[in-house]
Every structure is written in structure tokens, then in C-alpha cells.
């Protein structure tokens, strides 16, 4: 899984022409609902061989100021990578 800084990725347009299935979420403590989303993303990728997958997450929850995450970003990245995700930002 390749990690990108989201804003740098937008500016670079590096993946502009890559067919992509994307999920966006806080993924603050990856649970069964998140697992279902990541599994669906992986299934979609298996059915569409040219499609890459990306998970976009946040260092901080944009809705709640001062909230702490259940898992660290490093742990969330490790778990999300187990779903064969191509890109993480």
C-alpha cells in the first residue's frame, strides 16, 4: 500500500487518469462496519482489474474538535493495508 499526503496528491495530479474506487472516513477505531466497507472495496477491485483502491482518512476527526482516536494512525494504516488497498491518504 502506498501512502500519500492528500493535498500533495491533489496538486501533483499523479493519479489523475487512474481508475479508482475510493472510500473516505475517519476510521477512528476500525470496526465491523469499516471492515464491511473495506471488504466491498476489495471485492470491487477483484471484479474490475484495472481499478485501484484508495482509503482517505483524517489525522483528526473533522467533526469533533479535541476528540482522541481509539487507534493511532499507524495502527489504522496497518489494519487497512490488510485489505489489499492500493493507496492510503
PDB file of N, CA and C in Angstrom:
ATOM      1  N   UNK A   1       0.845  -1.168   0.000  1.00  0.00           N
ATOM      2  CA  UNK A   1       0.000   0.000   0.000  1.00  0.00           C
ATOM      3  C   UNK A   1       0.893   1.234   0.000  1.00  0.00           C
ATOM      4  N   UNK A   2       0.589   2.157  -0.870  1.00  0.00           N
ATOM      5  CA  UNK A   2       1.355   3.394  -0.994  1.00  0.00           C
ATOM      6  C   UNK A   2       0.642   4.494  -0.222  1.00  0.00           C
ATOM      7  N   UNK A   3       1.380   5.214   0.600  1.00  0.00           N
ATOM      8  CA  UNK A   3       0.817   6.306   1.386  1.00  0.00           C
ATOM      9  C   UNK A   3       1.128   7.635   0.706  1.00  0.00           C
ATOM     10  N   UNK A   4       0.101   8.485   0.634  1.00  0.00           N
ATOM     11  CA  UNK A   4       0.254   9.814   0.052  1.00  0.00           C
ATOM     12  C   UNK A   4      -0.269  10.861   1.023  1.00  0.00           C
ATOM     13  N   UNK A   5       0.311  12.045   0.961  1.00  0.00           N
ATOM     14  CA  UNK A   5      -0.284  13.208   1.608  1.00  0.00           C
ATOM     15  C   UNK A   5      -1.383  13.701   0.667  1.00  0.00           C
ATOM     16  N   UNK A   6      -2.596  13.820   1.177  1.00  0.00           N
ATOM     17  CA  UNK A   6      -3.759  14.119   0.339  1.00  0.00           C
ATOM     18  C   UNK A   6      -3.582  15.394  -0.480  1.00  0.00           C
ATOM     19  N   UNK A   7      -3.185  16.483   0.153  1.00  0.00           N
ATOM     20  CA  UNK A   7      -3.084  17.752  -0.555  1.00  0.00           C
ATOM     21  C   UNK A   7      -1.957  17.749  -1.586  1.00  0.00           C
ATOM     22  N   UNK A   8      -0.860  17.073  -1.280  1.00  0.00           N
ATOM     23  CA  UNK A   8       0.220  16.941  -2.261  1.00  0.00           C
ATOM     24  C   UNK A   8      -0.234  16.104  -3.446  1.00  0.00           C
ATOM     25  N   UNK A   9      -1.020  15.074  -3.172  1.00  0.00           N
ATOM     26  CA  UNK A   9      -1.529  14.211  -4.228  1.00  0.00           C
ATOM     27  C   UNK A   9      -2.441  14.981  -5.176  1.00  0.00           C
ATOM     28  N   UNK A  10      -3.285  15.834  -4.636  1.00  0.00           N
ATOM     29  CA  UNK A  10      -4.186  16.642  -5.472  1.00  0.00           C
ATOM     30  C   UNK A  10      -3.378  17.577  -6.373  1.00  0.00           C
ATOM     31  N   UNK A  11      -2.390  18.226  -5.805  1.00  0.00           N
ATOM     32  CA  UNK A  11      -1.577  19.161  -6.578  1.00  0.00           C
ATOM     33  C   UNK A  11      -0.775  18.460  -7.668  1.00  0.00           C
ATOM     34  N   UNK A  12      -0.267  17.272  -7.373  1.00  0.00           N
ATOM     35  CA  UNK A  12       0.600  16.586  -8.327  1.00  0.00           C
ATOM     36  C   UNK A  12      -0.174  15.972  -9.491  1.00  0.00           C
ATOM     37  N   UNK A  13      -1.435  15.670  -9.277  1.00  0.00           N
ATOM     38  CA  UNK A  13      -2.282  15.018 -10.284  1.00  0.00           C
ATOM     39  C   UNK A  13      -1.693  13.678 -10.724  1.00  0.00           C
ATOM     40  N   UNK A  14      -0.890  13.082  -9.856  1.00  0.00           N
ATOM     41  CA  UNK A  14      -0.198  11.823 -10.150  1.00  0.00           C
ATOM     42  C   UNK A  14      -1.157  10.698 -10.522  1.00  0.00           C
ATOM     43  N   UNK A  15      -2.309  10.659  -9.886  1.00  0.00           N
ATOM     44  CA  UNK A  15      -3.260   9.570 -10.119  1.00  0.00           C
ATOM     45  C   UNK A  15      -4.479  10.041 -10.920  1.00  0.00           C
ATOM     46  N   UNK A  16      -4.334  11.138 -11.608  1.00  0.00           N
ATOM     47  CA  UNK A  16      -5.449  11.763 -12.312  1.00  0.00           C
ATOM     48  C   UNK A  16      -6.153  10.823 -13.287  1.00  0.00           C
ATOM     49  N   UNK A  17      -5.433   9.995 -13.992  1.00  0.00           N
ATOM     50  CA  UNK A  17      -6.031   9.123 -15.008  1.00  0.00           C
ATOM     51  C   UNK A  17      -6.109   7.661 -14.587  1.00  0.00           C
ATOM     52  N   UNK A  18      -5.989   7.412 -13.297  1.00  0.00           N
ATOM     53  CA  UNK A  18      -6.070   6.046 -12.783  1.00  0.00           C
ATOM     54  C   UNK A  18      -7.504   5.777 -12.339  1.00  0.00           C
ATOM     55  N   UNK A  19      -8.153   4.733 -12.900  1.00  0.00           N
ATOM     56  CA  UNK A  19      -9.495   4.380 -12.427  1.00  0.00           C
ATOM     57  C   UNK A  19      -9.410   4.004 -10.945  1.00  0.00           C
ATOM     58  N   UNK A  20     -10.285   4.609 -10.136  1.00  0.00           N
ATOM     59  CA  UNK A  20     -10.119   4.488  -8.695  1.00  0.00           C
ATOM     60  C   UNK A  20     -11.459   4.289  -7.998  1.00  0.00           C
ATOM     61  N   UNK A  21     -11.488   3.351  -7.066  1.00  0.00           N
ATOM     62  CA  UNK A  21     -12.610   3.196  -6.136  1.00  0.00           C
ATOM     63  C   UNK A  21     -12.104   3.731  -4.801  1.00  0.00           C
ATOM     64  N   UNK A  22     -12.837   4.700  -4.239  1.00  0.00           N
ATOM     65  CA  UNK A  22     -12.360   5.424  -3.055  1.00  0.00           C
ATOM     66  C   UNK A  22     -13.388   5.347  -1.938  1.00  0.00           C
ATOM     67  N   UNK A  23     -12.896   5.188  -0.718  1.00  0.00           N
ATOM     68  CA  UNK A  23     -13.744   5.353   0.452  1.00  0.00           C
ATOM     69  C   UNK A  23     -13.107   6.424   1.332  1.00  0.00           C
ATOM     70  N   UNK A  24     -13.944   7.245   1.925  1.00  0.00           N
ATOM     71  CA  UNK A  24     -13.480   8.342   2.773  1.00  0.00           C
ATOM     72  C   UNK A  24     -14.128   8.176   4.141  1.00  0.00           C
ATOM     73  N   UNK A  25     -13.326   8.240   5.188  1.00  0.00           N
ATOM     74  CA  UNK A  25     -13.882   8.121   6.528  1.00  0.00           C
ATOM     75  C   UNK A  25     -12.855   8.417   7.584  1.00  0.00           C
ATOM     76  N   UNK A  26     -13.336   8.583   8.789  1.00  0.00           N
ATOM     77  CA  UNK A  26     -12.449   8.841   9.915  1.00  0.00           C
ATOM     78  C   UNK A  26     -11.712   7.562  10.302  1.00  0.00           C
ATOM     79  N   UNK A  27     -12.378   6.424  10.266  1.00  0.00           N
ATOM     80  CA  UNK A  27     -11.775   5.130  10.616  1.00  0.00           C
ATOM     81  C   UNK A  27     -11.041   5.225  11.953  1.00  0.00           C
ATOM     82  N   UNK A  28     -11.696   5.864  12.935  1.00  0.00           N
ATOM     83  CA  UNK A  28     -11.059   6.136  14.222  1.00  0.00           C
ATOM     84  C   UNK A  28     -10.811   4.893  15.064  1.00  0.00           C
ATOM     85  N   UNK A  29     -11.571   3.902  14.887  1.00  0.00           N
ATOM     86  CA  UNK A  29     -11.380   2.611  15.549  1.00  0.00           C
ATOM     87  C   UNK A  29     -12.022   1.617  14.601  1.00  0.00           C
ATOM     88  N   UNK A  30     -11.250   0.989  13.766  1.00  0.00           N
ATOM     89  CA  UNK A  30     -11.793   0.190  12.675  1.00  0.00           C
ATOM     90  C   UNK A  30     -12.633  -0.941  13.264  1.00  0.00           C
ATOM     91  N   UNK A  31     -13.930  -0.947  12.912  1.00  0.00           N
ATOM     92  CA  UNK A  31     -14.882  -1.913  13.450  1.00  0.00           C
ATOM     93  C   UNK A  31     -15.575  -2.671  12.317  1.00  0.00           C
ATOM     94  N   UNK A  32     -16.575  -3.455  12.635  1.00  0.00           N
ATOM     95  CA  UNK A  32     -17.256  -4.309  11.659  1.00  0.00           C
ATOM     96  C   UNK A  32     -17.800  -3.498  10.477  1.00  0.00           C
ATOM     97  N   UNK A  33     -18.372  -2.343  10.725  1.00  0.00           N
ATOM     98  CA  UNK A  33     -18.883  -1.502   9.637  1.00  0.00           C
ATOM     99  C   UNK A  33     -17.771  -1.079   8.690  1.00  0.00           C
ATOM    100  N   UNK A  34     -16.628  -0.692   9.252  1.00  0.00           N
ATOM    101  CA  UNK A  34     -15.477  -0.328   8.427  1.00  0.00           C
ATOM    102  C   UNK A  34     -14.971  -1.550   7.669  1.00  0.00           C
ATOM    103  N   UNK A  35     -14.944  -2.681   8.343  1.00  0.00           N
ATOM    104  CA  UNK A  35     -14.492  -3.919   7.709  1.00  0.00           C
ATOM    105  C   UNK A  35     -15.372  -4.256   6.494  1.00  0.00           C
ATOM    106  N   UNK A  36     -16.677  -4.054   6.636  1.00  0.00           N
ATOM    107  CA  UNK A  36     -17.592  -4.302   5.516  1.00  0.00           C
ATOM    108  C   UNK A  36     -17.294  -3.381   4.334  1.00  0.00           C
ATOM    109  N   UNK A  37     -17.022  -2.121   4.621  1.00  0.00           N
ATOM    110  CA  UNK A  37     -16.701  -1.152   3.567  1.00  0.00           C
ATOM    111  C   UNK A  37     -15.400  -1.542   2.864  1.00  0.00           C
ATOM    112  N   UNK A  38     -14.382  -1.877   3.634  1.00  0.00           N
ATOM    113  CA  UNK A  38     -13.089  -2.250   3.062  1.00  0.00           C
ATOM    114  C   UNK A  38     -13.186  -3.558   2.287  1.00  0.00           C
ATOM    115  N   UNK A  39     -13.992  -4.498   2.763  1.00  0.00           N
ATOM    116  CA  UNK A  39     -14.200  -5.758   2.044  1.00  0.00           C
ATOM    117  C   UNK A  39     -14.907  -5.516   0.721  1.00  0.00           C
ATOM    118  N   UNK A  40     -15.903  -4.621   0.726  1.00  0.00           N
ATOM    119  CA  UNK A  40     -16.610  -4.285  -0.507  1.00  0.00           C
ATOM    120  C   UNK A  40     -15.643  -3.649  -1.508  1.00  0.00           C
ATOM    121  N   UNK A  41     -14.808  -2.749  -1.032  1.00  0.00           N
ATOM    122  CA  UNK A  41     -13.813  -2.089  -1.888  1.00  0.00           C
ATOM    123  C   UNK A  41     -12.894  -3.133  -2.516  1.00  0.00           C
ATOM    124  N   UNK A  42     -12.469  -4.094  -1.722  1.00  0.00           N
ATOM    125  CA  UNK A  42     -11.596  -5.152  -2.205  1.00  0.00           C
ATOM    126  C   UNK A  42     -12.321  -6.037  -3.220  1.00  0.00           C
ATOM    127  N   UNK A  43     -13.586  -6.342  -2.993  1.00  0.00           N
ATOM    128  CA  UNK A  43     -14.381  -7.145  -3.940  1.00  0.00           C
ATOM    129  C   UNK A  43     -14.548  -6.411  -5.267  1.00  0.00           C
ATOM    130  N   UNK A  44     -14.807  -5.118  -5.171  1.00  0.00           N
ATOM    131  CA  UNK A  44     -14.967  -4.299  -6.375  1.00  0.00           C
ATOM    132  C   UNK A  44     -13.684  -4.332  -7.201  1.00  0.00           C
ATOM    133  N   UNK A  45     -12.555  -4.206  -6.510  1.00  0.00           N
ATOM    134  CA  UNK A  45     -11.246  -4.238  -7.174  1.00  0.00           C
ATOM    135  C   UNK A  45     -11.026  -5.587  -7.870  1.00  0.00           C
ATOM    136  N   UNK A  46     -11.443  -6.668  -7.230  1.00  0.00           N
ATOM    137  CA  UNK A  46     -11.271  -8.001  -7.814  1.00  0.00           C
ATOM    138  C   UNK A  46     -12.097  -8.180  -9.085  1.00  0.00           C
ATOM    139  N   UNK A  47     -13.263  -7.539  -9.133  1.00  0.00           N
ATOM    140  CA  UNK A  47     -14.149  -7.644 -10.297  1.00  0.00           C
ATOM    141  C   UNK A  47     -13.751  -6.701 -11.428  1.00  0.00           C
ATOM    142  N   UNK A  48     -13.033  -5.649 -11.113  1.00  0.00           N
ATOM    143  CA  UNK A  48     -12.630  -4.633 -12.091  1.00  0.00           C
ATOM    144  C   UNK A  48     -11.107  -4.514 -12.045  1.00  0.00           C
ATOM    145  N   UNK A  49     -10.440  -5.329 -12.823  1.00  0.00           N
ATOM    146  CA  UNK A  49      -8.986  -5.494 -12.736  1.00  0.00           C
ATOM    147  C   UNK A  49      -8.187  -4.207 -12.939  1.00  0.00           C
ATOM    148  N   UNK A  50      -8.711  -3.240 -13.687  1.00  0.00           N
ATOM    149  CA  UNK A  50      -7.961  -2.008 -13.940  1.00  0.00           C
ATOM    150  C   UNK A  50      -8.156  -0.958 -12.843  1.00  0.00           C
ATOM    151  N   UNK A  51      -9.062  -1.220 -11.906  1.00  0.00           N
ATOM    152  CA  UNK A  51      -9.378  -0.250 -10.854  1.00  0.00           C
ATOM    153  C   UNK A  51      -8.425  -0.408  -9.675  1.00  0.00           C
ATOM    154  N   UNK A  52      -7.936   0.705  -9.176  1.00  0.00           N
ATOM    155  CA  UNK A  52      -7.133   0.749  -7.957  1.00  0.00           C
ATOM    156  C   UNK A  52      -8.037   1.218  -6.823  1.00  0.00           C
ATOM    157  N   UNK A  53      -7.621   0.962  -5.587  1.00  0.00           N
ATOM    158  CA  UNK A  53      -8.427   1.373  -4.439  1.00  0.00           C
ATOM    159  C   UNK A  53      -7.660   2.353  -3.565  1.00  0.00           C
ATOM    160  N   UNK A  54      -8.424   3.247  -2.943  1.00  0.00           N
ATOM    161  CA  UNK A  54      -7.831   4.247  -2.060  1.00  0.00           C
ATOM    162  C   UNK A  54      -8.719   4.453  -0.840  1.00  0.00           C
ATOM    163  N   UNK A  55      -8.069   4.563   0.307  1.00  0.00           N
ATOM    164  CA  UNK A  55      -8.752   4.936   1.542  1.00  0.00           C
ATOM    165  C   UNK A  55      -8.241   6.308   1.942  1.00  0.00           C
ATOM    166  N   UNK A  56      -9.168   7.237   2.108  1.00  0.00           N
ATOM    167  CA  UNK A  56      -8.823   8.579   2.570  1.00  0.00           C
ATOM    168  C   UNK A  56      -9.310   8.690   4.012  1.00  0.00           C
ATOM    169  N   UNK A  57      -8.404   9.013   4.920  1.00  0.00           N
ATOM    170  CA  UNK A  57      -8.765   9.168   6.314  1.00  0.00           C
ATOM    171  C   UNK A  57      -8.174  10.471   6.847  1.00  0.00           C
ATOM    172  N   UNK A  58      -8.370  10.742   8.106  1.00  0.00           N
ATOM    173  CA  UNK A  58      -8.000  12.022   8.700  1.00  0.00           C
ATOM    174  C   UNK A  58      -7.123  11.797   9.926  1.00  0.00           C
ATOM    175  N   UNK A  59      -6.172  12.706  10.157  1.00  0.00           N
ATOM    176  CA  UNK A  59      -5.399  12.681  11.396  1.00  0.00           C
ATOM    177  C   UNK A  59      -6.269  13.084  12.574  1.00  0.00           C
ATOM    178  N   UNK A  60      -7.211  13.982  12.317  1.00  0.00           N
ATOM    179  CA  UNK A  60      -8.152  14.453  13.332  1.00  0.00           C
ATOM    180  C   UNK A  60      -9.564  14.318  12.786  1.00  0.00           C
ATOM    181  N   UNK A  61     -10.511  14.058  13.671  1.00  0.00           N
ATOM    182  CA  UNK A  61     -11.904  13.978  13.248  1.00  0.00           C
ATOM    183  C   UNK A  61     -12.367  15.388  12.893  1.00  0.00           C
ATOM    184  N   UNK A  62     -12.752  15.623  11.637  1.00  0.00           N
ATOM    185  CA  UNK A  62     -13.133  16.975  11.233  1.00  0.00           C
ATOM    186  C   UNK A  62     -14.431  17.458  11.873  1.00  0.00           C
ATOM    187  N   UNK A  63     -15.219  16.554  12.441  1.00  0.00           N
ATOM    188  CA  UNK A  63     -16.493  16.939  13.047  1.00  0.00           C
ATOM    189  C   UNK A  63     -16.385  17.286  14.527  1.00  0.00           C
ATOM    190  N   UNK A  64     -15.409  16.711  15.212  1.00  0.00           N
ATOM    191  CA  UNK A  64     -15.336  16.863  16.662  1.00  0.00           C
ATOM    192  C   UNK A  64     -13.956  17.360  17.063  1.00  0.00           C
ATOM    193  N   UNK A  65     -13.898  18.580  17.565  1.00  0.00           N
ATOM    194  CA  UNK A  65     -12.614  19.145  17.978  1.00  0.00           C
ATOM    195  C   UNK A  65     -12.173  18.527  19.303  1.00  0.00           C
ATOM    196  N   UNK A  66     -10.902  18.189  19.375  1.00  0.00           N
ATOM    197  CA  UNK A  66     -10.333  17.658  20.604  1.00  0.00           C
ATOM    198  C   UNK A  66     -10.594  16.180  20.844  1.00  0.00           C
ATOM    199  N   UNK A  67     -11.295  15.523  19.942  1.00  0.00           N
ATOM    200  CA  UNK A  67     -11.568  14.094  20.118  1.00  0.00           C
ATOM    201  C   UNK A  67     -10.311  13.286  19.877  1.00  0.00           C
ATOM    202  N   UNK A  68     -10.099  12.291  20.700  1.00  0.00           N
ATOM    203  CA  UNK A  68      -8.962  11.391  20.513  1.00  0.00           C
ATOM    204  C   UNK A  68      -9.442  10.144  19.795  1.00  0.00           C
ATOM    205  N   UNK A  69      -8.567   9.587  18.974  1.00  0.00           N
ATOM    206  CA  UNK A  69      -8.892   8.371  18.248  1.00  0.00           C
ATOM    207  C   UNK A  69      -8.693   7.155  19.140  1.00  0.00           C
ATOM    208  N   UNK A  70      -9.440   6.111  18.842  1.00  0.00           N
ATOM    209  CA  UNK A  70      -9.282   4.845  19.545  1.00  0.00           C
ATOM    210  C   UNK A  70      -7.958   4.213  19.124  1.00  0.00           C
ATOM    211  N   UNK A  71      -7.668   4.223  17.831  1.00  0.00           N
ATOM    212  CA  UNK A  71      -6.425   3.672  17.286  1.00  0.00           C
ATOM    213  C   UNK A  71      -5.552   4.802  16.767  1.00  0.00           C
ATOM    214  N   UNK A  72      -4.240   4.593  16.774  1.00  0.00           N
ATOM    215  CA  UNK A  72      -3.328   5.570  16.189  1.00  0.00           C
ATOM    216  C   UNK A  72      -3.417   5.472  14.667  1.00  0.00           C
ATOM    217  N   UNK A  73      -2.950   6.489  13.996  1.00  0.00           N
ATOM    218  CA  UNK A  73      -2.931   6.476  12.532  1.00  0.00           C
ATOM    219  C   UNK A  73      -2.109   5.294  12.019  1.00  0.00           C
ATOM    220  N   UNK A  74      -1.009   4.988  12.698  1.00  0.00           N
ATOM    221  CA  UNK A  74      -0.157   3.864  12.302  1.00  0.00           C
ATOM    222  C   UNK A  74      -0.919   2.541  12.386  1.00  0.00           C
ATOM    223  N   UNK A  75      -1.691   2.338  13.446  1.00  0.00           N
ATOM    224  CA  UNK A  75      -2.469   1.105  13.584  1.00  0.00           C
ATOM    225  C   UNK A  75      -3.597   1.038  12.555  1.00  0.00           C
ATOM    226  N   UNK A  76      -4.242   2.173  12.304  1.00  0.00           N
ATOM    227  CA  UNK A  76      -5.311   2.199  11.292  1.00  0.00           C
ATOM    228  C   UNK A  76      -4.736   1.875   9.919  1.00  0.00           C
ATOM    229  N   UNK A  77      -3.580   2.432   9.600  1.00  0.00           N
ATOM    230  CA  UNK A  77      -2.945   2.166   8.311  1.00  0.00           C
ATOM    231  C   UNK A  77      -2.596   0.685   8.180  1.00  0.00           C
ATOM    232  N   UNK A  78      -2.052   0.105   9.241  1.00  0.00           N
ATOM    233  CA  UNK A  78      -1.683  -1.313   9.219  1.00  0.00           C
ATOM    234  C   UNK A  78      -2.921  -2.185   8.991  1.00  0.00           C
ATOM    235  N   UNK A  79      -3.995  -1.897   9.685  1.00  0.00           N
ATOM    236  CA  UNK A  79      -5.216  -2.686   9.535  1.00  0.00           C
ATOM    237  C   UNK A  79      -5.812  -2.526   8.139  1.00  0.00           C
ATOM    238  N   UNK A  80      -5.886  -1.291   7.666  1.00  0.00           N
ATOM    239  CA  UNK A  80      -6.459  -1.016   6.345  1.00  0.00           C
ATOM    240  C   UNK A  80      -5.628  -1.682   5.253  1.00  0.00           C
ATOM    241  N   UNK A  81      -4.312  -1.727   5.423  1.00  0.00           N
ATOM    242  CA  UNK A  81      -3.459  -2.366   4.416  1.00  0.00           C
ATOM    243  C   UNK A  81      -3.727  -3.865   4.305  1.00  0.00           C
ATOM    244  N   UNK A  82      -4.263  -4.466   5.348  1.00  0.00           N
ATOM    245  CA  UNK A  82      -4.567  -5.899   5.303  1.00  0.00           C
ATOM    246  C   UNK A  82      -5.709  -6.215   4.337  1.00  0.00           C
ATOM    247  N   UNK A  83      -6.410  -5.185   3.853  1.00  0.00           N
ATOM    248  CA  UNK A  83      -7.498  -5.362   2.894  1.00  0.00           C
ATOM    249  C   UNK A  83      -7.035  -5.160   1.454  1.00  0.00           C
ATOM    250  N   UNK A  84      -5.718  -5.175   1.239  1.00  0.00           N
ATOM    251  CA  UNK A  84      -5.173  -5.087  -0.117  1.00  0.00           C
ATOM    252  C   UNK A  84      -5.446  -3.738  -0.777  1.00  0.00           C
ATOM    253  N   UNK A  85      -5.531  -2.701   0.007  1.00  0.00           N
ATOM    254  CA  UNK A  85      -5.760  -1.354  -0.503  1.00  0.00           C
ATOM    255  C   UNK A  85      -4.506  -0.866  -1.210  1.00  0.00           C
ATOM    256  N   UNK A  86      -4.694  -0.218  -2.359  1.00  0.00           N
ATOM    257  CA  UNK A  86      -3.536   0.257  -3.130  1.00  0.00           C
ATOM    258  C   UNK A  86      -2.945   1.546  -2.570  1.00  0.00           C
ATOM    259  N   UNK A  87      -3.810   2.478  -2.201  1.00  0.00           N
ATOM    260  CA  UNK A  87      -3.343   3.798  -1.761  1.00  0.00           C
ATOM    261  C   UNK A  87      -4.033   4.202  -0.469  1.00  0.00           C
ATOM    262  N   UNK A  88      -3.303   4.930   0.356  1.00  0.00           N
ATOM    263  CA  UNK A  88      -3.787   5.404   1.658  1.00  0.00           C
ATOM    264  C   UNK A  88      -3.378   6.856   1.806  1.00  0.00           C
ATOM    265  N   UNK A  89      -4.314   7.674   2.178  1.00  0.00           N
ATOM    266  CA  UNK A  89      -4.003   9.073   2.422  1.00  0.00           C
ATOM    267  C   UNK A  89      -4.803   9.577   3.598  1.00  0.00           C
TER     268      UNK A  89
END
